[in-house]
Amino acid sequence: MLAELAKEVQNCTKCNLAERRHTVVFGEGNPQARMVLIGEGPGEEEDRQGRPFVGAAGQLLDRILAAAGFKREEVYIANVVKCRPPGNRVPTRAEAAACIPWLFEQLKLISPRIIVLLGSTALQNLVDPQARITAMRGQWLVSKSGIKIMPTYHPAALLRDPGKKAPVWEDMQKIRDEYMKIADE
């Protein structure tokens, strides 16, 4: 059960990120969600609140989801790592490797039909360490278990470069269309 896993993760000390965290940011949303969004890791506000995507990038993500017809409550949102890297740096490979089994267990329990990878860290840790988000965003990938995976830019990248908003909107339309196909299954 997801709640039991969340309790277990609260005590994790598998990597050095545990030393500085205020709280573990496990993830949140519908435990039976058909779609899971996966980002990089918690930022300062997420670490403070214990919730994923609640800072400026999270507020933008909420607006993107709403524009595509999704409610945050109907999807599930998680990150590659559950603890904030110092200074919001990219998690190291070792940190991600220590934490990703928790994410895989979440995905197993939720059993989504669609996974949206938000940014290069999620793409490189879940698909291919050499993958480039600029080359792969907007393309449907399929996992061994048949889950459809769509990489797109992280909302924080849109805050830095508003020119990326149009490609993300294109991706969200593809995601919405695919979601509608599976909504009644």
Protein backbone atom coordinates (compact mmCIF):
# COMPACT_ATOMS: atom_id res chain seq x y z
CA MET A 1 0.00 0.00 0.00
CA LEU A 2 1.23 3.49 -0.89
CA ALA A 3 0.72 4.95 2.62
CA GLU A 4 2.86 2.18 4.13
CA LEU A 5 5.60 2.79 1.59
CA ALA A 6 5.49 6.53 2.37
CA LYS A 7 6.05 5.77 6.06
CA GLU A 8 8.99 3.53 5.22
CA VAL A 9 10.61 6.18 2.99
CA GLN A 10 10.43 8.77 5.80
CA ASN A 11 13.29 6.94 7.57
CA CYS A 12 15.49 6.48 4.50
CA THR A 13 19.20 7.19 4.90
CA LYS A 14 20.43 5.45 1.73
CA CYS A 15 22.27 8.55 0.48
CA ASN A 16 23.79 11.76 1.79
CA LEU A 17 20.72 13.83 0.88
CA ALA A 18 19.05 12.55 4.05
CA GLU A 19 21.55 14.48 6.18
CA ARG A 20 20.26 17.94 5.17
CA ARG A 21 16.61 17.39 4.41
CA HIS A 22 13.83 18.92 6.44
CA THR A 23 11.34 16.38 5.20
CA VAL A 24 11.05 13.56 2.70
CA VAL A 25 8.95 14.57 -0.30
CA PHE A 26 7.37 11.21 -1.13
CA GLY A 27 4.85 12.28 -3.75
CA GLU A 28 1.15 13.02 -3.81
CA GLY A 29 -1.99 12.59 -5.77
CA ASN A 30 -4.44 9.91 -6.72
CA PRO A 31 -3.08 6.49 -5.65
CA GLN A 32 -5.00 4.93 -8.57
CA ALA A 33 -3.92 7.59 -11.07
CA ARG A 34 -3.72 6.60 -14.71
CA MET A 35 -1.00 9.21 -15.17
CA VAL A 36 2.13 9.90 -13.11
CA LEU A 37 4.36 12.94 -13.56
CA ILE A 38 7.98 12.55 -12.47
CA GLY A 39 10.37 15.43 -11.86
CA GLU A 40 13.93 15.71 -10.63
CA GLY A 41 13.76 16.33 -6.89
CA PRO A 42 12.34 18.65 -4.28
CA GLY A 43 13.34 22.30 -4.14
CA GLU A 44 13.44 24.52 -1.09
CA GLU A 45 9.69 25.07 -0.83
CA GLU A 46 8.95 21.38 -1.43
CA ASP A 47 11.44 20.41 1.29
CA ARG A 48 9.74 22.83 3.66
CA GLN A 49 6.18 21.69 2.91
CA GLY A 50 6.86 18.00 2.20
CA ARG A 51 4.92 18.20 -1.07
CA PRO A 52 6.18 17.93 -4.67
CA PHE A 53 5.93 20.82 -7.12
CA VAL A 54 4.59 23.55 -4.83
CA GLY A 55 7.10 26.31 -5.65
CA ALA A 56 7.08 28.51 -8.74
CA ALA A 57 7.67 25.55 -11.09
CA GLY A 58 4.85 23.65 -9.38
CA GLN A 59 2.45 26.54 -9.77
CA LEU A 60 3.29 26.62 -13.48
CA LEU A 61 2.78 22.84 -13.67
CA ASP A 62 -0.65 23.26 -12.08
CA ARG A 63 -1.59 25.83 -14.74
CA ILE A 64 -0.31 23.57 -17.53
CA LEU A 65 -2.30 20.61 -16.17
CA ALA A 66 -5.45 22.74 -15.84
CA ALA A 67 -5.08 24.10 -19.38
CA ALA A 68 -4.87 20.51 -20.66
CA GLY A 69 -8.00 19.57 -18.70
CA PHE A 70 -6.38 17.76 -15.76
CA LYS A 71 -6.88 18.32 -12.06
CA ARG A 72 -3.79 17.90 -9.92
CA GLU A 73 -5.84 15.58 -7.68
CA GLU A 74 -6.47 13.09 -10.50
CA VAL A 75 -2.80 12.52 -11.33
CA TYR A 76 0.14 11.47 -9.17
CA ILE A 77 3.27 13.58 -8.88
CA ALA A 78 6.65 12.31 -7.69
CA ASN A 79 10.38 12.88 -8.19
CA VAL A 80 13.47 10.83 -8.96
CA VAL A 81 14.88 11.71 -5.51
CA LYS A 82 12.79 12.27 -2.40
CA CYS A 83 15.16 14.67 -0.60
CA ARG A 84 16.36 18.11 -1.68
CA PRO A 85 19.84 18.28 -3.15
CA PRO A 86 21.83 21.17 -1.62
CA GLY A 87 21.33 24.41 -3.51
CA ASN A 88 18.79 22.67 -5.75
CA ARG A 89 21.62 21.08 -7.73
CA VAL A 90 20.98 18.09 -9.99
CA PRO A 91 21.05 14.83 -8.00
CA THR A 92 24.16 12.75 -8.53
CA ARG A 93 23.89 9.36 -10.21
CA ALA A 94 24.58 7.72 -6.83
CA GLU A 95 21.82 9.72 -5.11
CA ALA A 96 19.35 8.87 -7.85
CA ALA A 97 20.38 5.21 -7.81
CA ALA A 98 19.82 5.05 -4.05
CA CYS A 99 16.38 6.61 -4.29
CA ILE A 100 14.95 5.25 -7.53
CA PRO A 101 13.87 1.88 -6.05
CA TRP A 102 11.37 3.87 -3.96
CA LEU A 103 10.02 5.46 -7.15
CA PHE A 104 9.78 2.09 -8.88
CA GLU A 105 7.83 0.74 -5.92
CA GLN A 106 5.47 3.75 -6.11
CA LEU A 107 4.92 3.11 -9.81
CA LYS A 108 4.28 -0.57 -9.17
CA LEU A 109 1.63 0.27 -6.55
CA ILE A 110 -0.03 3.02 -8.62
CA SER A 111 0.16 1.11 -11.91
CA PRO A 112 -0.22 4.12 -14.24
CA ARG A 113 -0.88 3.85 -17.96
CA ILE A 114 1.03 7.06 -18.78
CA ILE A 115 4.21 8.49 -17.27
CA VAL A 116 5.27 12.06 -18.01
CA LEU A 117 8.98 12.66 -17.46
CA LEU A 118 9.58 16.29 -16.53
CA GLY A 119 13.09 17.17 -17.60
CA SER A 120 16.39 15.53 -18.36
CA THR A 121 17.05 14.12 -14.88
CA ALA A 122 13.86 12.06 -14.98
CA LEU A 123 14.54 11.02 -18.59
CA GLN A 124 18.14 9.99 -17.94
CA ASN A 125 17.33 8.06 -14.77
CA LEU A 126 14.27 6.25 -16.08
CA VAL A 127 15.04 5.74 -19.78
CA ASP A 128 18.68 6.21 -20.78
CA PRO A 129 21.60 7.93 -19.02
CA GLN A 130 22.71 9.39 -22.36
CA ALA A 131 19.27 10.66 -23.41
CA ARG A 132 18.86 14.33 -24.30
CA ILE A 133 15.56 15.98 -23.41
CA THR A 134 15.86 18.32 -26.41
CA ALA A 135 16.03 15.31 -28.75
CA MET A 136 13.42 13.09 -27.06
CA ARG A 137 10.76 15.45 -25.75
CA GLY A 138 7.39 15.03 -27.37
CA GLN A 139 8.02 11.43 -28.44
CA TRP A 140 6.07 8.52 -27.05
CA LEU A 141 8.21 5.78 -25.57
CA VAL A 142 6.83 2.48 -24.29
CA SER A 143 8.15 0.64 -21.24
CA LYS A 144 8.67 -3.13 -21.15
CA SER A 145 5.41 -3.37 -19.22
CA GLY A 146 3.49 -1.35 -21.82
CA ILE A 147 3.34 2.00 -19.99
CA LYS A 148 3.42 4.95 -22.38
CA ILE A 149 6.13 7.46 -21.47
CA MET A 150 6.31 11.07 -22.67
CA PRO A 151 9.40 13.15 -21.90
CA THR A 152 8.92 16.92 -21.85
CA TYR A 153 10.68 19.94 -20.43
CA HIS A 154 10.62 20.53 -16.68
CA PRO A 155 8.43 23.50 -15.66
CA ALA A 156 11.51 25.20 -14.15
CA ALA A 157 13.05 25.22 -17.65
CA LEU A 158 9.99 27.13 -18.88
CA LEU A 159 10.50 29.73 -16.17
CA ARG A 160 14.08 30.24 -17.39
CA ASP A 161 13.21 30.03 -21.10
CA PRO A 162 9.58 30.93 -21.98
CA GLY A 163 10.27 29.80 -25.56
CA LYS A 164 9.89 26.23 -24.31
CA LYS A 165 6.24 26.78 -23.39
CA ALA A 166 4.95 26.07 -26.92
CA PRO A 167 6.70 22.68 -27.20
CA VAL A 168 5.43 21.69 -23.75
CA TRP A 169 1.89 22.65 -24.76
CA GLU A 170 2.25 20.44 -27.86
CA ASP A 171 3.40 17.59 -25.62
CA MET A 172 0.51 18.14 -23.19
CA GLN A 173 -1.98 17.97 -26.04
CA LYS A 174 -0.53 14.59 -27.09
CA ILE A 175 -0.67 13.43 -23.46
CA ARG A 176 -4.28 14.63 -23.09
CA ASP A 177 -5.31 12.85 -26.31
CA GLU A 178 -3.71 9.59 -25.18
CA TYR A 179 -5.24 9.96 -21.73
CA MET A 180 -8.68 10.37 -23.24
CA LYS A 181 -8.21 7.08 -25.15
CA ILE A 182 -7.54 5.18 -21.92
CA ALA A 183 -9.91 7.11 -19.64
CA ASP A 184 -12.76 4.66 -20.06
CA GLU A 185 -10.74 1.45 -20.12
